[in-house]
C-alpha atoms as a PDB file:
ATOM      1  CA  UNK A   1     119.299  81.422 103.014  1.00  0.00           C
ATOM      2  CA  UNK A   2     116.294  82.581 104.595  1.00  0.00           C
ATOM      3  CA  UNK A   3     113.436  83.978 101.574  1.00  0.00           C
ATOM      4  CA  UNK A   4     110.102  85.976 101.799  1.00  0.00           C
ATOM      5  CA  UNK A   5     108.235  85.794  98.830  1.00  0.00           C
ATOM      6  CA  UNK A   6     104.806  87.430  99.389  1.00  0.00           C
ATOM      7  CA  UNK A   7     102.311  89.801  97.484  1.00  0.00           C
ATOM      8  CA  UNK A   8      99.239  92.315  98.110  1.00  0.00           C
ATOM      9  CA  UNK A   9      96.528  93.782  96.334  1.00  0.00           C
ATOM     10  CA  UNK A  10      97.089  97.226  96.215  1.00  0.00           C
ATOM     11  CA  UNK A  11      96.077 100.500  93.917  1.00  0.00           C
ATOM     12  CA  UNK A  12      98.386 102.127  91.592  1.00  0.00           C
ATOM     13  CA  UNK A  13      98.976 104.808  94.159  1.00  0.00           C
ATOM     14  CA  UNK A  14      99.685 102.437  97.449  1.00  0.00           C
ATOM     15  CA  UNK A  15     102.640 100.862  94.983  1.00  0.00           C
ATOM     16  CA  UNK A  16     103.770 104.260  94.126  1.00  0.00           C
ATOM     17  CA  UNK A  17     104.394 104.796  97.281  1.00  0.00           C
ATOM     18  CA  UNK A  18     105.936 101.354  98.703  1.00  0.00           C
ATOM     19  CA  UNK A  19     108.371 102.067  95.920  1.00  0.00           C
ATOM     20  CA  UNK A  20     109.083 105.217  97.088  1.00  0.00           C
ATOM     21  CA  UNK A  21     109.642 104.324 100.703  1.00  0.00           C
ATOM     22  CA  UNK A  22     111.592 101.389  99.388  1.00  0.00           C
ATOM     23  CA  UNK A  23     114.028 103.784  97.098  1.00  0.00           C
ATOM     24  CA  UNK A  24     114.391 106.792  99.670  1.00  0.00           C
ATOM     25  CA  UNK A  25     115.953 103.566 101.984  1.00  0.00           C
ATOM     26  CA  UNK A  26     117.953 102.349  99.395  1.00  0.00           C
ATOM     27  CA  UNK A  27     119.315 105.676  98.858  1.00  0.00           C
ATOM     28  CA  UNK A  28     120.151 105.739 103.070  1.00  0.00           C
ATOM     29  CA  UNK A  29     123.216 103.902 104.506  1.00  0.00           C
ATOM     30  CA  UNK A  30     121.157 102.135 106.565  1.00  0.00           C
ATOM     31  CA  UNK A  31     119.723  98.757 106.474  1.00  0.00           C
ATOM     32  CA  UNK A  32     116.554  98.215 104.682  1.00  0.00           C
ATOM     33  CA  UNK A  33     113.046  97.103 105.893  1.00  0.00           C
ATOM     34  CA  UNK A  34     110.786  95.104 103.663  1.00  0.00           C
ATOM     35  CA  UNK A  35     107.133  94.259 105.137  1.00  0.00           C
ATOM     36  CA  UNK A  36     104.293  93.327 102.465  1.00  0.00           C
ATOM     37  CA  UNK A  37     101.485  91.038 102.672  1.00  0.00           C
ATOM     38  CA  UNK A  38     101.666  90.584 106.753  1.00  0.00           C
ATOM     39  CA  UNK A  39     105.221  89.163 106.122  1.00  0.00           C
ATOM     40  CA  UNK A  40     108.656  91.537 106.641  1.00  0.00           C
ATOM     41  CA  UNK A  41     112.477  91.138 106.165  1.00  0.00           C
ATOM     42  CA  UNK A  42     115.670  93.455 106.988  1.00  0.00           C
ATOM     43  CA  UNK A  43     117.913  93.887 104.530  1.00  0.00           C
ATOM     44  CA  UNK A  44     121.981  95.893 104.075  1.00  0.00           C
ATOM     45  CA  UNK A  45     122.258  95.910 100.432  1.00  0.00           C
ATOM     46  CA  UNK A  46     125.964  96.761  99.472  1.00  0.00           C
ATOM     47  CA  UNK A  47     127.031  98.636  96.525  1.00  0.00           C
ATOM     48  CA  UNK A  48     126.784  97.686  93.717  1.00  0.00           C
ATOM     49  CA  UNK A  49     123.476  96.188  93.002  1.00  0.00           C
ATOM     50  CA  UNK A  50     122.346  94.540  89.893  1.00  0.00           C
ATOM     51  CA  UNK A  51     118.951  96.047  88.776  1.00  0.00           C
ATOM     52  CA  UNK A  52     117.148  93.299  87.060  1.00  0.00           C
ATOM     53  CA  UNK A  53     113.837  94.136  85.124  1.00  0.00           C
ATOM     54  CA  UNK A  54     111.773  92.098  83.321  1.00  0.00           C
ATOM     55  CA  UNK A  55     108.309  93.207  81.576  1.00  0.00           C
ATOM     56  CA  UNK A  56     105.659  90.776  80.007  1.00  0.00           C
ATOM     57  CA  UNK A  57     102.511  91.880  77.974  1.00  0.00           C
ATOM     58  CA  UNK A  58     100.419  91.605  75.152  1.00  0.00           C
ATOM     59  CA  UNK A  59     100.885  94.252  72.480  1.00  0.00           C
ATOM     60  CA  UNK A  60      97.510  93.609  71.205  1.00  0.00           C
ATOM     61  CA  UNK A  61      95.792  94.693  74.760  1.00  0.00           C
ATOM     62  CA  UNK A  62      94.120  91.073  74.600  1.00  0.00           C
ATOM     63  CA  UNK A  63      96.303  89.138  77.261  1.00  0.00           C
ATOM     64  CA  UNK A  64      94.992  88.242  80.502  1.00  0.00           C
ATOM     65  CA  UNK A  65      97.873  88.855  83.313  1.00  0.00           C
ATOM     66  CA  UNK A  66     100.876  91.356  82.286  1.00  0.00           C
ATOM     67  CA  UNK A  67     103.459  91.846  84.876  1.00  0.00           C
ATOM     68  CA  UNK A  68     106.510  93.824  85.541  1.00  0.00           C
ATOM     69  CA  UNK A  69     109.393  92.228  87.719  1.00  0.00           C
ATOM     70  CA  UNK A  70     111.899  94.481  89.589  1.00  0.00           C
ATOM     71  CA  UNK A  71     114.341  92.262  91.226  1.00  0.00           C
ATOM     72  CA  UNK A  72     117.888  94.186  93.349  1.00  0.00           C
ATOM     73  CA  UNK A  73     121.101  91.571  93.854  1.00  0.00           C
ATOM     74  CA  UNK A  74     124.036  92.514  95.376  1.00  0.00           C
ATOM     75  CA  UNK A  75     127.001  90.173  97.180  1.00  0.00           C
ATOM     76  CA  UNK A  76     130.356  88.743  95.907  1.00  0.00           C
ATOM     77  CA  UNK A  77     128.472  86.215  93.549  1.00  0.00           C
ATOM     78  CA  UNK A  78     126.012  88.951  91.756  1.00  0.00           C
ATOM     79  CA  UNK A  79     126.539  89.124  88.314  1.00  0.00           C
ATOM     80  CA  UNK A  80     127.754  92.729  88.142  1.00  0.00           C
ATOM     81  CA  UNK A  81     128.393  92.585  84.395  1.00  0.00           C
ATOM     82  CA  UNK A  82     126.411  95.014  82.025  1.00  0.00           C
ATOM     83  CA  UNK A  83     124.042  93.168  80.132  1.00  0.00           C
ATOM     84  CA  UNK A  84     122.834  96.012  77.699  1.00  0.00           C
ATOM     85  CA  UNK A  85     119.045  97.024  77.400  1.00  0.00           C
ATOM     86  CA  UNK A  86     116.505  95.193  75.388  1.00  0.00           C
ATOM     87  CA  UNK A  87     112.872  96.142  74.084  1.00  0.00           C
ATOM     88  CA  UNK A  88     110.646  93.611  72.689  1.00  0.00           C
END
């Protein structure tokens, strides 16, 4: 299975615009085109989508790197059972 993993340093405004454009593509019925860091891929997400969200941070604000990861999964083997929401 082909895979793409890339990164680019951008401003918060640029990242928000990228996510908005992705959201607009997801609302349509067409394929979704992803392009970042000189790499690109076109995918055709089918319903239902599984949204996975992972966040790592230091409440004291003294941590080095903090992160938010967003993952969309679909297809016949996707785990579509809802697992609830948890907070730390």
